[in-house]
């Protein structure tokens, strides 16, 4: 049975819940295992569970670079493989990574899995809100 709780205790519990929630959505360092895309100010980092985090681009990198090295990559319809410096990448349904390099409009496909892919890490990130149906604000009040 619930007992009477003094208001001070309820305020304390509320503050504890707020702090816990903030700690859960702010991460120290995110490993961008399933993907990384960037622009000038912010980057999207997909962790090993495909959760999308928004991170300041200047707090992302690998070995002081904003790219990861990938080997054995190929372009569809082009013979041979090559090594690439991928500035963006995503894990695809085919069990390989799609890689983008700066200055090239086409993408490469690289033979990595989530357990052996070289990845970028980011700090100062927050979870991106889920994308879904957003109310239009024009609800009928009748």
Protein backbone atom coordinates (compact mmCIF):
# COMPACT_ATOMS: atom_id res chain seq x y z
CA UNK A 1 0.00 0.00 0.00
CA UNK A 2 1.20 3.51 -0.74
CA UNK A 3 1.90 5.65 2.28
CA UNK A 4 1.85 9.42 2.55
CA UNK A 5 5.05 10.96 1.18
CA UNK A 6 6.09 14.43 2.36
CA UNK A 7 6.39 16.96 -0.51
CA UNK A 8 10.15 17.33 0.03
CA UNK A 9 10.67 13.64 -0.64
CA UNK A 10 8.59 13.79 -3.83
CA UNK A 11 10.67 16.74 -5.05
CA UNK A 12 13.83 14.77 -4.31
CA UNK A 13 12.50 11.76 -6.25
CA UNK A 14 11.54 14.02 -9.18
CA UNK A 15 15.03 15.56 -9.27
CA UNK A 16 16.63 12.10 -9.13
CA UNK A 17 14.50 10.96 -12.08
CA UNK A 18 15.45 14.06 -14.11
CA UNK A 19 19.16 13.55 -13.45
CA UNK A 20 18.91 9.88 -14.38
CA UNK A 21 17.09 10.68 -17.64
CA UNK A 22 19.69 13.29 -18.57
CA UNK A 23 22.50 10.84 -17.87
CA UNK A 24 20.87 8.24 -20.09
CA UNK A 25 20.49 10.51 -23.12
CA UNK A 26 23.87 12.25 -22.84
CA UNK A 27 26.79 9.97 -23.57
CA UNK A 28 30.50 10.41 -22.96
CA UNK A 29 31.67 8.64 -26.11
CA UNK A 30 29.71 6.97 -28.87
CA UNK A 31 31.18 4.38 -31.21
CA UNK A 32 29.71 4.97 -34.67
CA UNK A 33 29.62 1.27 -35.57
CA UNK A 34 26.59 1.18 -37.90
CA UNK A 35 27.08 4.54 -39.57
CA UNK A 36 28.44 8.05 -39.64
CA UNK A 37 27.35 11.05 -41.71
CA UNK A 38 28.45 14.61 -41.16
CA UNK A 39 28.01 18.20 -42.09
CA UNK A 40 29.89 21.28 -40.93
CA UNK A 41 28.40 21.58 -37.44
CA UNK A 42 26.70 18.29 -36.54
CA UNK A 43 27.12 14.63 -37.35
CA UNK A 44 24.81 11.65 -37.12
CA UNK A 45 26.39 8.66 -35.43
CA UNK A 46 24.68 5.24 -35.46
CA UNK A 47 25.84 3.03 -32.62
CA UNK A 48 25.95 -0.78 -32.59
CA UNK A 49 22.18 -0.92 -31.98
CA UNK A 50 21.48 1.58 -34.81
CA UNK A 51 20.44 4.29 -32.33
CA UNK A 52 21.05 7.65 -34.00
CA UNK A 53 23.00 10.20 -31.97
CA UNK A 54 23.52 13.84 -32.94
CA UNK A 55 27.07 14.96 -32.17
CA UNK A 56 29.13 18.11 -32.67
CA UNK A 57 31.30 17.34 -35.71
CA UNK A 58 34.36 18.86 -34.04
CA UNK A 59 34.07 16.21 -31.30
CA UNK A 60 34.20 13.27 -33.72
CA UNK A 61 37.13 11.47 -35.28
CA UNK A 62 39.53 8.57 -35.48
CA UNK A 63 43.27 9.08 -35.02
CA UNK A 64 42.74 12.87 -35.36
CA UNK A 65 40.94 12.50 -38.72
CA UNK A 66 37.31 12.76 -39.82
CA UNK A 67 37.57 9.63 -41.93
CA UNK A 68 38.22 5.92 -41.47
CA UNK A 69 40.43 3.72 -43.64
CA UNK A 70 38.63 0.87 -45.41
CA UNK A 71 40.29 -1.74 -47.63
CA UNK A 72 38.96 -4.08 -50.30
CA UNK A 73 36.31 -1.58 -51.41
CA UNK A 74 34.74 -1.62 -54.85
CA UNK A 75 32.35 0.43 -56.98
CA UNK A 76 29.46 -1.32 -58.67
CA UNK A 77 30.36 -2.05 -62.27
CA UNK A 78 34.04 -1.16 -61.85
CA UNK A 79 36.60 -3.99 -61.76
CA UNK A 80 39.08 -4.30 -58.89
CA UNK A 81 39.23 -3.19 -55.28
CA UNK A 82 40.84 -0.24 -53.57
CA UNK A 83 41.56 1.32 -50.20
CA UNK A 84 39.44 4.33 -49.28
CA UNK A 85 39.37 7.11 -46.70
CA UNK A 86 35.66 7.07 -45.88
CA UNK A 87 34.23 10.34 -44.58
CA UNK A 88 30.82 8.72 -44.23
CA UNK A 89 29.62 5.13 -44.02
CA UNK A 90 26.53 3.02 -43.34
CA UNK A 91 26.02 -0.66 -42.65
CA UNK A 92 23.82 -2.12 -45.37
CA UNK A 93 21.42 -5.01 -45.62
CA UNK A 94 23.86 -6.87 -47.84
CA UNK A 95 26.21 -7.36 -44.88
CA UNK A 96 28.73 -4.81 -46.11
CA UNK A 97 29.39 -1.12 -45.61
CA UNK A 98 28.63 1.65 -48.04
CA UNK A 99 31.39 4.26 -47.93
CA UNK A 100 31.55 7.85 -49.16
CA UNK A 101 34.74 9.78 -49.71
CA UNK A 102 35.12 13.54 -49.89
CA UNK A 103 34.89 14.94 -53.38
CA UNK A 104 33.41 11.80 -54.98
CA UNK A 105 29.73 11.62 -55.90
CA UNK A 106 29.69 7.82 -56.01
CA UNK A 107 29.91 5.39 -53.14
CA UNK A 108 32.04 2.34 -52.55
CA UNK A 109 31.09 -0.97 -50.97
CA UNK A 110 33.50 -2.38 -48.42
CA UNK A 111 33.62 -5.94 -47.01
CA UNK A 112 33.34 -5.29 -43.27
CA UNK A 113 31.00 -6.50 -40.56
CA UNK A 114 29.94 -4.70 -37.40
CA UNK A 115 32.56 -6.68 -35.48
CA UNK A 116 35.58 -5.62 -37.57
CA UNK A 117 34.72 -2.25 -39.14
CA UNK A 118 37.03 0.69 -38.41
CA UNK A 119 34.78 3.34 -36.87
CA UNK A 120 34.67 6.97 -35.82
CA UNK A 121 33.93 7.91 -32.21
CA UNK A 122 32.13 11.04 -31.05
CA UNK A 123 31.59 12.77 -27.73
CA UNK A 124 29.11 15.37 -26.51
CA UNK A 125 26.28 13.54 -28.28
CA UNK A 126 22.57 13.37 -27.55
CA UNK A 127 19.98 10.89 -28.78
CA UNK A 128 18.10 12.08 -31.82
CA UNK A 129 14.33 12.15 -31.19
CA UNK A 130 12.44 9.39 -33.00
CA UNK A 131 11.06 10.33 -36.40
CA UNK A 132 7.36 9.64 -36.73
CA UNK A 133 3.98 11.20 -37.08
CA UNK A 134 4.10 14.67 -35.63
CA UNK A 135 0.75 16.25 -34.73
CA UNK A 136 -0.06 19.15 -37.00
CA UNK A 137 -1.53 21.29 -34.23
CA UNK A 138 -4.78 21.67 -36.17
CA UNK A 139 -6.75 19.22 -34.07
CA UNK A 140 -10.51 19.69 -34.02
CA UNK A 141 -11.54 20.76 -30.51
CA UNK A 142 -15.20 19.78 -30.81
